[in-house]
N, C-alpha and C. Protein backbone atom coordinates (compact mmCIF):
# COMPACT_ATOMS: atom_id res chain seq x y z
N UNK A 1 3.61 8.60 -3.34
CA UNK A 1 3.13 8.29 -2.16
C UNK A 1 2.35 10.70 -2.00
N UNK A 2 1.10 10.06 -2.44
CA UNK A 2 0.88 11.37 -2.62
C UNK A 2 0.90 11.96 -0.99
N UNK A 3 1.15 13.55 -1.21
CA UNK A 3 1.96 14.73 -0.16
C UNK A 3 -0.25 14.91 0.44
N UNK A 4 0.52 14.42 2.26
CA UNK A 4 -1.16 14.80 2.66
C UNK A 4 -0.93 16.54 2.97
N UNK A 5 -2.29 16.21 2.32
CA UNK A 5 -3.59 17.57 2.99
C UNK A 5 -4.02 17.44 3.85
N UNK A 6 -3.53 18.25 5.06
CA UNK A 6 -4.39 17.69 6.60
C UNK A 6 -5.96 18.01 6.28
N UNK A 7 -6.39 19.64 5.50
CA UNK A 7 -7.47 20.34 5.25
C UNK A 7 -8.55 18.82 5.05
N UNK A 8 -8.08 18.98 4.46
CA UNK A 8 -8.30 17.26 3.21
C UNK A 8 -9.03 15.64 3.56
N UNK A 9 -7.73 15.61 4.09
CA UNK A 9 -7.67 14.24 5.04
C UNK A 9 -9.17 14.64 6.67
N UNK A 10 -9.13 16.06 7.19
CA UNK A 10 -10.42 16.45 7.66
C UNK A 10 -10.98 16.39 7.62
N UNK A 11 -12.07 17.10 6.96
CA UNK A 11 -12.82 16.28 5.98
C UNK A 11 -13.32 15.75 5.21
N UNK A 12 -12.54 14.72 5.08
CA UNK A 12 -13.23 12.95 5.22
C UNK A 12 -13.36 12.29 5.92
N UNK A 13 -12.35 12.99 7.12
CA UNK A 13 -12.93 11.91 9.05
C UNK A 13 -14.66 12.44 9.14
N UNK A 14 -14.53 14.07 8.47
CA UNK A 14 -16.48 14.25 9.04
C UNK A 14 -16.89 13.48 8.57
N UNK A 15 -16.88 13.16 6.68
CA UNK A 15 -17.91 12.50 5.93
C UNK A 15 -17.92 11.30 6.35
N UNK A 16 -16.75 10.37 6.93
CA UNK A 16 -16.87 9.21 7.41
C UNK A 16 -17.96 9.06 7.97
N UNK A 17 -17.56 10.26 9.90
CA UNK A 17 -18.56 10.07 10.40
C UNK A 17 -20.05 10.53 10.33
N UNK A 18 -20.07 10.99 9.12
CA UNK A 18 -21.87 11.70 8.79
C UNK A 18 -22.19 9.90 7.86
N UNK A 19 -21.64 9.33 7.61
CA UNK A 19 -21.40 7.88 6.55
C UNK A 19 -22.75 7.18 8.23
N UNK A 20 -21.48 7.54 9.03
CA UNK A 20 -21.81 6.58 9.95
C UNK A 20 -22.85 6.85 11.57
N UNK A 21 -23.44 8.02 10.85
CA UNK A 21 -24.76 8.44 11.64
C UNK A 21 -25.82 8.08 11.15
N UNK A 22 -26.83 7.59 12.00
CA UNK A 22 -27.03 8.39 13.76
C UNK A 22 -26.27 6.95 14.92
N UNK A 23 -25.34 6.79 13.76
CA UNK A 23 -24.65 5.37 15.03
C UNK A 23 -23.71 5.42 15.98
N UNK A 24 -23.41 7.08 15.36
CA UNK A 24 -21.88 7.59 15.92
C UNK A 24 -22.16 9.22 16.77
N UNK A 25 -22.95 9.70 16.04
CA UNK A 25 -23.79 10.69 16.95
C UNK A 25 -24.92 11.31 15.46
N UNK A 26 -26.19 11.74 16.42
CA UNK A 26 -27.18 12.79 15.53
C UNK A 26 -26.29 13.14 13.73
N UNK A 27 -26.95 13.02 12.70
CA UNK A 27 -26.91 13.45 11.67
C UNK A 27 -26.59 15.38 11.31
N UNK A 28 -28.00 15.14 11.70
CA UNK A 28 -27.85 17.08 12.57
C UNK A 28 -26.53 16.95 13.44
N UNK A 29 -26.43 17.13 14.12
CA UNK A 29 -24.93 17.42 14.63
C UNK A 29 -23.72 17.46 14.44
N UNK A 30 -23.59 16.33 13.36
CA UNK A 30 -22.34 16.23 12.64
C UNK A 30 -22.87 17.83 11.91
N UNK A 31 -23.63 17.78 11.16
CA UNK A 31 -24.00 19.01 9.87
C UNK A 31 -23.71 20.25 11.09
N UNK A 32 -23.91 20.44 11.69
CA UNK A 32 -23.92 21.72 13.17
C UNK A 32 -22.21 22.01 13.08
N UNK A 33 -22.15 20.96 13.84
CA UNK A 33 -20.35 20.61 13.83
C UNK A 33 -19.33 20.85 12.99
N UNK A 34 -19.74 20.57 11.31
CA UNK A 34 -19.30 21.02 10.77
C UNK A 34 -19.20 22.18 9.94
N UNK A 35 -20.24 22.50 9.76
CA UNK A 35 -20.83 24.17 9.80
C UNK A 35 -19.31 25.11 10.09
N UNK A 36 -19.85 24.79 11.76
CA UNK A 36 -18.57 25.28 12.72
C UNK A 36 -16.94 25.87 12.38
N UNK A 37 -16.90 24.22 12.40
CA UNK A 37 -15.63 23.49 11.25
C UNK A 37 -14.46 24.44 10.62
N UNK A 38 -16.22 24.89 9.13
CA UNK A 38 -16.00 25.54 8.00
C UNK A 38 -16.23 26.64 8.86
N UNK A 39 -16.32 27.17 9.21
CA UNK A 39 -16.26 28.86 10.17
C UNK A 39 -14.89 28.98 10.26
N UNK A 40 -14.36 28.67 11.63
CA UNK A 40 -12.84 28.32 11.46
C UNK A 40 -11.85 27.95 11.48
N UNK A 41 -12.07 27.43 10.00
CA UNK A 41 -11.29 27.01 8.61
C UNK A 41 -11.36 28.32 8.10
N UNK A 42 -12.95 29.28 7.49
CA UNK A 42 -12.95 30.18 7.24
C UNK A 42 -11.40 31.34 7.00
N UNK A 43 -11.68 31.46 8.58
CA UNK A 43 -11.15 32.51 9.40
C UNK A 43 -10.06 32.11 9.45
N UNK A 44 -9.29 31.10 9.88
CA UNK A 44 -8.07 30.59 10.12
C UNK A 44 -7.49 30.73 9.08
N UNK A 45 -7.99 30.72 7.59
CA UNK A 45 -7.43 30.53 6.32
C UNK A 45 -7.16 32.44 5.83
N UNK A 46 -8.26 33.18 5.81
CA UNK A 46 -8.14 34.86 5.92
C UNK A 46 -6.66 35.02 6.72
N UNK A 47 -6.71 34.46 7.46
CA UNK A 47 -5.24 34.66 8.73
C UNK A 47 -4.57 34.15 8.44
N UNK A 48 -3.78 33.33 7.66
CA UNK A 48 -2.64 32.73 6.77
C UNK A 48 -2.34 31.66 7.39
N UNK A 49 -3.29 31.28 8.27
CA UNK A 49 -2.60 29.35 9.13
C UNK A 49 -2.09 28.54 7.80
N UNK A 50 -1.13 27.74 8.76
CA UNK A 50 -1.09 26.70 8.27
C UNK A 50 -2.08 25.93 8.21
N UNK A 51 -1.71 24.71 6.47
CA UNK A 51 -2.55 23.33 6.44
C UNK A 51 -3.22 22.95 8.05
N UNK A 52 -2.06 22.40 8.89
CA UNK A 52 -2.87 21.90 10.04
C UNK A 52 -3.26 22.64 10.70
N UNK A 53 -2.93 23.65 11.15
CA UNK A 53 -3.53 24.65 11.94
C UNK A 53 -5.51 24.80 11.28
N UNK A 54 -5.77 24.62 10.56
CA UNK A 54 -7.54 24.59 8.98
C UNK A 54 -7.63 23.42 9.99
N UNK A 55 -6.94 22.81 9.30
CA UNK A 55 -7.41 20.80 9.73
C UNK A 55 -7.73 21.72 11.22
N UNK A 56 -6.93 21.64 12.11
CA UNK A 56 -7.56 21.76 13.60
C UNK A 56 -9.03 22.00 13.73
N UNK A 57 -9.16 23.13 12.76
CA UNK A 57 -10.34 24.30 12.79
C UNK A 57 -11.21 23.54 13.17
N UNK A 58 -11.61 22.88 11.93
CA UNK A 58 -12.27 22.02 11.10
C UNK A 58 -12.74 20.97 12.36
N UNK A 59 -11.75 20.45 12.93
CA UNK A 59 -12.22 19.26 13.82
C UNK A 59 -12.16 19.65 15.12
N UNK A 60 -12.08 21.05 15.24
CA UNK A 60 -12.27 21.54 16.73
C UNK A 60 -13.16 20.24 17.44
N UNK A 61 -14.94 20.47 17.05
CA UNK A 61 -15.98 20.79 17.73
C UNK A 61 -15.98 19.74 18.14
N UNK A 62 -15.94 18.48 16.94
CA UNK A 62 -16.01 17.00 17.40
C UNK A 62 -14.91 16.62 18.16
N UNK A 63 -13.91 16.90 18.77
CA UNK A 63 -12.91 16.94 19.44
C UNK A 63 -13.28 16.59 20.49
N UNK A 64 -14.11 18.26 20.58
CA UNK A 64 -14.75 18.76 21.80
C UNK A 64 -15.94 17.92 22.44
N UNK A 65 -17.06 17.02 21.34
CA UNK A 65 -18.05 15.89 21.64
C UNK A 65 -17.12 14.61 21.83
N UNK A 66 -16.22 14.44 21.87
CA UNK A 66 -15.55 13.12 22.15
C UNK A 66 -16.06 12.41 20.46
N UNK A 67 -16.18 12.78 19.61
CA UNK A 67 -16.92 12.11 18.90
C UNK A 67 -15.64 11.62 17.38
N UNK A 68 -14.04 11.89 17.97
CA UNK A 68 -13.64 12.25 16.91
C UNK A 68 -11.80 12.20 17.95
N UNK A 69 -11.78 10.44 17.41
CA UNK A 69 -10.31 9.96 18.67
C UNK A 69 -9.17 11.00 18.12
N UNK A 70 -8.31 11.29 19.47
CA UNK A 70 -6.67 12.01 18.64
C UNK A 70 -6.26 10.86 17.64
N UNK A 71 -6.59 9.79 18.27
CA UNK A 71 -4.92 8.65 17.36
C UNK A 71 -5.40 8.44 16.17
N UNK A 72 -7.17 8.48 16.09
CA UNK A 72 -7.40 8.95 14.08
C UNK A 72 -7.36 10.00 13.63
N UNK A 73 -7.26 11.39 14.15
CA UNK A 73 -6.94 12.79 13.75
C UNK A 73 -5.46 12.33 13.31
N UNK A 74 -4.83 11.94 13.99
CA UNK A 74 -3.40 12.15 13.86
C UNK A 74 -2.45 11.29 12.54
N UNK A 75 -3.66 10.06 12.66
CA UNK A 75 -3.34 8.82 11.16
C UNK A 75 -3.63 9.82 10.22
N UNK A 76 -4.82 9.91 10.47
CA UNK A 76 -5.04 10.93 9.21
C UNK A 76 -5.04 11.81 8.71
N UNK A 77 -4.70 12.52 9.40
CA UNK A 77 -4.45 14.19 9.27
C UNK A 77 -2.69 13.99 9.67
N UNK A 78 -1.57 13.43 9.98
CA UNK A 78 -0.84 13.99 10.33
C UNK A 78 -0.87 14.44 11.75
N UNK A 79 0.77 14.34 12.46
CA UNK A 79 1.04 14.47 14.01
C UNK A 79 -0.23 16.15 14.37
N UNK A 80 0.12 17.05 13.87
CA UNK A 80 0.09 18.14 14.18
C UNK A 80 -1.07 18.58 14.89
N UNK A 81 -2.43 18.75 14.44
CA UNK A 81 -3.53 18.73 14.09
C UNK A 81 -4.05 17.99 15.15
N UNK A 82 -3.51 16.94 15.97
CA UNK A 82 -3.94 16.47 16.75
C UNK A 82 -3.22 17.10 17.85
N UNK A 83 -1.96 17.43 18.27
CA UNK A 83 -1.48 18.03 18.78
C UNK A 83 -1.41 19.67 19.24
N UNK A 84 -2.27 20.30 18.65
CA UNK A 84 -2.95 21.39 18.49
C UNK A 84 -4.56 20.77 19.16
N UNK A 85 -5.08 20.35 18.79
CA UNK A 85 -6.85 20.05 19.33
C UNK A 85 -5.96 19.27 21.04
N UNK A 86 -5.41 18.72 21.35
CA UNK A 86 -4.68 18.03 22.48
C UNK A 86 -5.02 19.09 23.56
N UNK A 87 -3.50 20.04 23.14
CA UNK A 87 -2.87 21.40 24.08
C UNK A 87 -4.29 22.10 23.80
N UNK A 88 -5.28 22.54 22.64
CA UNK A 88 -6.30 23.23 23.35
C UNK A 88 -7.24 22.68 24.31
N UNK A 89 -7.22 21.21 24.23
CA UNK A 89 -8.19 20.61 25.60
C UNK A 89 -7.91 20.84 26.87
N UNK A 90 -6.73 19.96 27.09
CA UNK A 90 -5.81 20.45 28.34
C UNK A 90 -5.48 21.57 28.59
N UNK A 91 -5.14 22.76 27.89
CA UNK A 91 -4.85 24.22 28.33
C UNK A 91 -5.62 24.62 27.86
N UNK A 92 -7.04 24.73 28.25
CA UNK A 92 -7.84 25.82 27.49
C UNK A 92 -9.03 25.58 28.03
N UNK A 93 -9.21 24.33 28.24
CA UNK A 93 -10.98 23.46 28.41
C UNK A 93 -10.96 23.38 30.17
N UNK A 94 -9.30 23.58 31.02
CA UNK A 94 -9.60 23.87 32.26
C UNK A 94 -10.61 24.24 32.49
N UNK A 95 -10.79 24.01 34.68
CA UNK A 95 -12.74 23.98 34.87
C UNK A 95 -11.84 25.33 35.45
N UNK A 96 -11.93 26.58 35.59
CA UNK A 96 -12.74 27.82 35.82
C UNK A 96 -13.52 28.16 36.31
N UNK A 97 -14.18 27.46 37.33
CA UNK A 97 -15.70 27.57 38.14
C UNK A 97 -14.72 28.35 39.53
N UNK A 98 -15.78 28.84 40.19
CA UNK A 98 -15.42 29.93 41.25
C UNK A 98 -15.17 29.41 42.92
N UNK A 99 -14.80 27.80 42.28
CA UNK A 99 -14.80 26.67 43.59
C UNK A 99 -13.01 26.59 43.64
N UNK A 100 -12.19 27.54 42.23
CA UNK A 100 -10.93 27.57 42.15
C UNK A 100 -10.38 28.66 43.28
N UNK A 101 -8.51 29.40 43.13
CA UNK A 101 -8.47 30.49 44.14
C UNK A 101 -8.21 31.14 42.30
N UNK A 102 -8.58 32.15 43.02
CA UNK A 102 -8.72 33.74 41.82
C UNK A 102 -10.41 33.68 41.12
N UNK A 103 -10.22 34.68 40.36
CA UNK A 103 -11.30 34.98 39.64
C UNK A 103 -11.31 34.19 38.33
N UNK A 104 -12.70 33.32 37.77
CA UNK A 104 -12.84 32.89 37.29
C UNK A 104 -12.39 32.91 35.96
N UNK A 105 -12.73 34.64 35.49
CA UNK A 105 -12.72 35.43 34.04
C UNK A 105 -11.06 35.42 33.82
N UNK A 106 -10.32 35.60 34.79
CA UNK A 106 -8.65 36.74 35.08
C UNK A 106 -8.26 35.27 34.78
N UNK A 107 -8.35 33.59 35.34
CA UNK A 107 -7.78 32.64 34.72
C UNK A 107 -7.85 32.39 33.77
N UNK A 108 -9.45 32.43 33.16
CA UNK A 108 -9.51 31.59 31.69
C UNK A 108 -8.47 33.45 30.51
N UNK A 109 -8.51 34.32 30.93
CA UNK A 109 -7.57 35.42 29.97
C UNK A 109 -6.77 34.51 30.23
N UNK A 110 -5.80 34.42 31.27
CA UNK A 110 -4.62 33.86 31.80
C UNK A 110 -4.20 32.91 30.99
N UNK A 111 -4.41 32.16 30.97
CA UNK A 111 -4.44 30.84 30.22
C UNK A 111 -4.06 30.91 28.70
N UNK A 112 -5.22 31.84 28.43
CA UNK A 112 -5.53 32.23 26.73
C UNK A 112 -3.82 32.90 26.26
N UNK A 113 -3.51 33.53 27.22
CA UNK A 113 -2.50 34.66 26.54
C UNK A 113 -1.03 33.60 27.27
N UNK A 114 -1.12 32.57 28.08
CA UNK A 114 0.39 31.83 27.98
C UNK A 114 -0.33 30.58 26.97
N UNK A 115 -1.36 30.37 26.73
CA UNK A 115 -1.10 29.46 25.30
C UNK A 115 -0.56 30.71 24.44
N UNK A 116 -0.64 31.58 24.13
CA UNK A 116 -0.19 32.74 23.25
C UNK A 116 1.62 31.78 23.00
N UNK A 117 1.84 32.56 24.52
CA UNK A 117 3.79 32.75 24.77
C UNK A 117 3.96 30.58 24.29
N UNK A 118 3.38 29.97 24.60
CA UNK A 118 3.76 28.39 24.15
C UNK A 118 3.64 28.69 23.13
N UNK A 119 2.59 28.65 22.04
CA UNK A 119 2.40 28.37 20.61
C UNK A 119 1.52 29.07 20.31
N UNK A 120 1.85 29.68 18.61
CA UNK A 120 1.44 30.99 18.03
C UNK A 120 -0.27 29.75 17.78
N UNK A 121 0.30 28.83 17.25
CA UNK A 121 -0.74 28.11 16.08
C UNK A 121 -1.94 28.25 17.37
N UNK A 122 -1.29 27.54 18.47
CA UNK A 122 -2.90 27.23 19.39
C UNK A 122 -3.45 28.49 19.48
N UNK A 123 -2.57 30.09 19.50
CA UNK A 123 -3.28 30.95 20.25
C UNK A 123 -4.08 31.45 19.00
N UNK A 124 -3.58 31.10 17.79
CA UNK A 124 -4.76 31.56 16.80
C UNK A 124 -6.14 30.50 16.27
N UNK A 125 -5.59 28.85 17.03
CA UNK A 125 -7.14 27.96 17.34
C UNK A 125 -7.95 28.69 18.15
N UNK A 126 -7.61 29.00 19.32
CA UNK A 126 -8.17 29.40 20.19
C UNK A 126 -8.83 30.97 19.78
N UNK A 127 -8.02 31.97 19.16
CA UNK A 127 -8.95 33.06 18.86
C UNK A 127 -9.86 32.58 17.70
N UNK A 128 -10.20 32.07 17.01
CA UNK A 128 -10.53 31.62 15.55
C UNK A 128 -11.91 31.09 16.92
N UNK A 129 -12.10 30.22 17.75
CA UNK A 129 -13.17 29.69 18.40
C UNK A 129 -13.57 30.57 18.77
N UNK A 130 -12.80 31.59 20.34
CA UNK A 130 -14.00 32.46 20.07
C UNK A 130 -14.31 34.15 19.26
N UNK A 131 -13.62 33.47 18.37
CA UNK A 131 -14.45 34.79 16.90
C UNK A 131 -15.70 34.39 16.99
N UNK A 132 -15.41 33.16 16.42
CA UNK A 132 -16.87 32.25 15.53
C UNK A 132 -18.15 32.33 16.21
N UNK A 133 -18.07 32.01 18.11
CA UNK A 133 -18.78 32.43 18.75
C UNK A 133 -19.94 33.98 18.59
N UNK A 134 -18.32 34.82 18.39
CA UNK A 134 -18.70 36.22 18.74
C UNK A 134 -19.58 36.58 17.29
N UNK A 135 -19.27 35.86 16.71
CA UNK A 135 -20.20 36.20 15.72
C UNK A 135 -21.59 35.02 15.54
N UNK A 136 -21.57 34.55 16.13
CA UNK A 136 -23.17 34.01 15.68
C UNK A 136 -23.77 34.85 17.44
N UNK A 137 -23.14 35.33 17.74
CA UNK A 137 -24.60 36.67 18.95
C UNK A 137 -24.33 37.76 18.32
N UNK A 138 -23.18 38.29 17.05
CA UNK A 138 -23.31 39.31 17.18
C UNK A 138 -25.18 38.56 15.34
N UNK A 139 -25.21 37.59 14.93
CA UNK A 139 -26.11 37.33 14.19
C UNK A 139 -27.67 37.42 15.28
N UNK A 140 -27.84 37.28 16.04
CA UNK A 140 -28.52 36.67 17.31
C UNK A 140 -28.15 34.99 17.31
N UNK A 141 -28.09 34.69 17.02
CA UNK A 141 -27.21 32.69 16.47
C UNK A 141 -27.18 32.14 18.20
N UNK A 142 -27.23 33.28 18.88
CA UNK A 142 -26.93 32.76 19.83
C UNK A 142 -27.40 32.68 21.93
N UNK A 143 -27.96 31.53 22.31
CA UNK A 143 -29.06 32.08 23.47
C UNK A 143 -27.65 32.08 24.43
N UNK A 144 -28.43 32.61 25.56
CA UNK A 144 -28.10 33.78 26.49
C UNK A 144 -27.03 34.52 25.60
N UNK A 145 -27.38 35.96 25.26
CA UNK A 145 -25.96 36.78 24.53
C UNK A 145 -25.64 37.49 26.14
N UNK A 146 -26.41 37.58 26.99
CA UNK A 146 -25.22 39.09 28.29
C UNK A 146 -24.17 37.51 28.37
N UNK A 147 -24.33 36.04 27.67
CA UNK A 147 -22.46 35.45 28.21
C UNK A 147 -21.89 35.77 27.19
N UNK A 148 -22.34 36.24 25.79
CA UNK A 148 -21.34 36.35 24.53
C UNK A 148 -20.82 37.19 25.29
N UNK A 149 -21.24 38.79 25.38
CA UNK A 149 -20.81 40.12 25.66
C UNK A 149 -19.69 40.02 26.89
N UNK A 150 -20.49 39.16 28.40
CA UNK A 150 -19.54 39.04 28.85
C UNK A 150 -17.85 38.33 28.13
N UNK A 151 -17.71 37.49 27.15
CA UNK A 151 -16.75 36.87 26.70
C UNK A 151 -15.92 38.06 26.48
N UNK A 152 -16.43 38.30 25.82
CA UNK A 152 -16.51 39.26 24.34
C UNK A 152 -15.23 40.50 24.94
N UNK A 153 -15.78 40.65 26.44
CA UNK A 153 -15.72 41.89 27.33
C UNK A 153 -14.10 41.66 27.72
N UNK A 154 -14.10 40.42 28.21
CA UNK A 154 -13.12 39.96 29.23
C UNK A 154 -11.98 39.02 28.67
N UNK A 155 -12.68 38.58 27.80
CA UNK A 155 -11.68 37.26 26.73
C UNK A 155 -11.17 37.89 25.79
N UNK A 156 -12.17 38.07 24.65
CA UNK A 156 -11.67 38.17 23.37
C UNK A 156 -10.91 39.52 22.73
N UNK A 157 -12.11 40.63 23.05
CA UNK A 157 -11.15 41.58 22.62
C UNK A 157 -9.54 42.44 23.54
N UNK A 158 -9.07 41.88 24.89
CA UNK A 158 -7.86 41.95 25.30
C UNK A 158 -7.12 40.77 24.68
N UNK A 159 -7.39 39.25 24.54
CA UNK A 159 -6.57 38.74 23.41
C UNK A 159 -6.36 39.12 21.97
N UNK A 160 -7.44 40.23 21.58
CA UNK A 160 -7.09 39.81 20.36
C UNK A 160 -5.88 41.22 20.13
N UNK A 161 -6.13 41.91 21.31
CA UNK A 161 -5.02 43.10 21.16
C UNK A 161 -3.69 43.14 21.89
N UNK A 162 -4.16 41.69 22.57
CA UNK A 162 -2.26 40.93 23.30
C UNK A 162 -1.60 40.03 21.84
N UNK A 163 -2.93 39.97 20.62
CA UNK A 163 -2.12 38.93 19.23
C UNK A 163 -1.72 39.76 18.29
N UNK A 164 -2.32 41.26 18.46
CA UNK A 164 -2.06 42.57 17.39
C UNK A 164 -3.32 42.42 16.45
N UNK A 165 -4.15 41.89 16.80
CA UNK A 165 -5.42 41.91 15.90
C UNK A 165 -6.46 43.21 15.50
N UNK A 166 -5.37 44.31 15.68
CA UNK A 166 -6.13 45.26 16.13
C UNK A 166 -7.37 45.79 15.61
N UNK A 167 -7.98 45.27 14.46
CA UNK A 167 -9.18 45.36 13.53
C UNK A 167 -10.02 44.52 13.73
N UNK A 168 -10.22 43.64 14.56
CA UNK A 168 -10.90 42.64 15.03
C UNK A 168 -11.34 43.39 15.98
N UNK A 169 -9.97 43.81 17.00
CA UNK A 169 -10.51 44.45 18.65
C UNK A 169 -11.28 45.29 17.92
N UNK A 170 -11.05 46.41 17.69
CA UNK A 170 -11.90 47.25 16.91
C UNK A 170 -13.38 47.16 16.64
N UNK A 171 -13.74 45.73 15.91
CA UNK A 171 -14.98 45.09 15.49
C UNK A 171 -15.20 45.28 16.80
N UNK A 172 -14.83 44.33 17.99
CA UNK A 172 -15.14 43.21 18.95
C UNK A 172 -16.00 45.22 19.76
N UNK A 173 -15.06 45.89 19.85
CA UNK A 173 -15.64 46.63 20.99
C UNK A 173 -16.19 46.98 20.16
N UNK A 174 -16.89 47.91 18.75
CA UNK A 174 -17.28 48.50 19.04
C UNK A 174 -18.89 47.64 18.89
N UNK A 175 -18.61 46.40 18.69
CA UNK A 175 -19.57 45.48 18.52
C UNK A 175 -20.24 46.13 20.52
N UNK A 176 -19.38 45.36 21.17
CA UNK A 176 -19.38 45.94 23.01
C UNK A 176 -20.44 47.08 23.05
N UNK A 177 -20.00 48.15 22.39
CA UNK A 177 -20.86 49.57 23.18
C UNK A 177 -21.92 49.59 22.44
N UNK A 178 -22.20 49.35 21.24
CA UNK A 178 -24.02 49.34 20.40
C UNK A 178 -24.64 48.09 21.86
N UNK A 179 -23.99 46.73 21.56
CA UNK A 179 -25.07 46.39 22.27
C UNK A 179 -25.06 46.67 24.29
N UNK A 180 -24.56 47.06 24.66
CA UNK A 180 -24.39 48.35 26.25
C UNK A 180 -25.20 49.53 26.15
N UNK A 181 -24.89 50.04 25.13
CA UNK A 181 -25.46 51.78 25.24
C UNK A 181 -26.53 51.70 24.59
N UNK A 182 -27.30 51.76 25.15
CA UNK A 182 -28.83 52.05 24.57
C UNK A 182 -28.95 53.68 23.78
N UNK A 183 -27.87 54.27 23.54
CA UNK A 183 -27.60 55.41 23.46
C UNK A 183 -26.98 55.52 22.11
N UNK A 184 -26.37 54.42 21.69
CA UNK A 184 -25.25 54.32 20.51
C UNK A 184 -25.53 54.51 19.16
N UNK A 185 -26.82 54.23 18.88
CA UNK A 185 -27.44 54.73 17.27
C UNK A 185 -27.76 56.14 17.45
N UNK A 186 -28.22 56.77 18.88
CA UNK A 186 -28.06 57.69 18.46
C UNK A 186 -27.10 58.88 18.45
N UNK A 187 -25.73 58.64 18.59
CA UNK A 187 -24.41 59.14 19.20
C UNK A 187 -24.10 58.90 18.03
N UNK A 188 -24.58 57.76 16.85
CA UNK A 188 -23.73 57.33 15.48
C UNK A 188 -24.06 58.47 14.49
N UNK A 189 -25.41 58.41 14.64
CA UNK A 189 -26.33 59.09 13.90
C UNK A 189 -25.12 60.60 13.99
N UNK A 190 -25.86 61.07 15.24
CA UNK A 190 -25.31 62.32 15.32
C UNK A 190 -23.79 62.40 14.61
N UNK A 191 -22.79 61.53 15.08
CA UNK A 191 -21.21 61.98 14.63
C UNK A 191 -21.44 61.83 12.81
N UNK A 192 -22.02 60.68 12.03
CA UNK A 192 -22.54 61.16 10.47
C UNK A 192 -22.72 62.43 10.16
N UNK A 193 -23.10 63.28 10.85
CA UNK A 193 -24.51 64.14 10.47
C UNK A 193 -23.42 65.35 10.53
N UNK A 194 -22.17 65.15 12.15
CA UNK A 194 -21.56 66.15 11.95
C UNK A 194 -20.61 66.07 11.30
N UNK A 195 -20.51 64.49 10.77
CA UNK A 195 -18.30 64.69 9.49
C UNK A 195 -18.99 65.10 7.85
N UNK A 196 -20.87 64.71 7.97
CA UNK A 196 -21.18 65.61 6.82
C UNK A 196 -21.31 66.42 6.56
N UNK A 197 -21.81 67.65 7.45
CA UNK A 197 -21.39 68.84 7.67
C UNK A 197 -20.21 69.53 7.63
N UNK A 198 -19.04 69.25 8.23
CA UNK A 198 -18.24 69.76 8.58
C UNK A 198 -17.24 69.60 6.67
N UNK A 199 -17.28 67.91 6.17
CA UNK A 199 -17.16 68.03 4.64
C UNK A 199 -17.62 69.11 3.93
N UNK A 200 -19.08 68.91 3.97
CA UNK A 200 -19.66 70.16 3.33
C UNK A 200 -19.01 71.80 3.41
N UNK A 201 -18.59 71.55 4.76
CA UNK A 201 -18.04 72.82 4.56
C UNK A 201 -16.59 73.31 4.13
N UNK A 202 -15.65 72.00 4.49
CA UNK A 202 -13.91 72.21 3.88
C UNK A 202 -14.20 71.95 2.31
N UNK A 203 -15.42 71.54 2.08
CA UNK A 203 -14.94 71.03 -0.01
C UNK A 203 -15.41 72.28 -0.43
N UNK A 204 -15.63 73.31 -0.21
CA UNK A 204 -14.83 74.28 -1.37
C UNK A 204 -13.30 74.70 -1.11
N UNK A 205 -12.77 74.36 -0.46
CA UNK A 205 -11.53 75.28 0.20
C UNK A 205 -10.65 73.17 -0.06
N UNK A 206 -11.34 72.39 -0.18
CA UNK A 206 -10.20 71.41 -0.90
C UNK A 206 -11.13 70.94 -2.05
N UNK A 207 -10.87 71.36 -3.45
CA UNK A 207 -11.81 71.00 -4.31
C UNK A 207 -11.30 69.30 -4.73
N UNK A 208 -9.90 69.11 -4.73
CA UNK A 208 -9.14 68.23 -5.25
C UNK A 208 -9.80 66.85 -5.44
N UNK A 209 -10.12 66.80 -3.27
CA UNK A 209 -10.76 66.15 -2.00
C UNK A 209 -12.10 65.77 -2.14
N UNK A 210 -12.58 66.79 -3.00
CA UNK A 210 -14.25 66.30 -3.17
C UNK A 210 -14.61 64.65 -3.78
């Protein structure tokens, strides 16, 4: 019996869904969700994720749009991708509007932190989803960029710090600073010139470092 490879099985499910379009969902929407899933899978692969977690990333958008039943995913890819996607939906997609107690942003952050303690793979699926949205905002491909600034500041940056992903947190924080500080470019230019001047001053004293 051939070994089950969850990412390959996930892509096969997407191909089958595309072949049924537009009966199941518009073909253009399938393509958009497929591209986002591949972006999640690329990030998760770079972070050393398991095949089951990569498969969950590939199928995340389709589950959120109710285009693929979890039972079909479990049958095709094994139980673990379906478990992760089910946990994401029921743990991290809870209603956090202002009608509940406490602040919605804080409650959402608590849900993500709790997910990290409950299941590290669920945490990495969640941070991959946030990271994909962050990159869409960085590239100017997202509507209402102020919402992504708020999400990056109140959720993504602290969540990356909690997970120990410090390089990505620094990238996020730098983008936030540039997005919110009108004089950021001028400050960075001044810093660059200061470092160049300092390097030129020190170079004669440290020729081996030049």
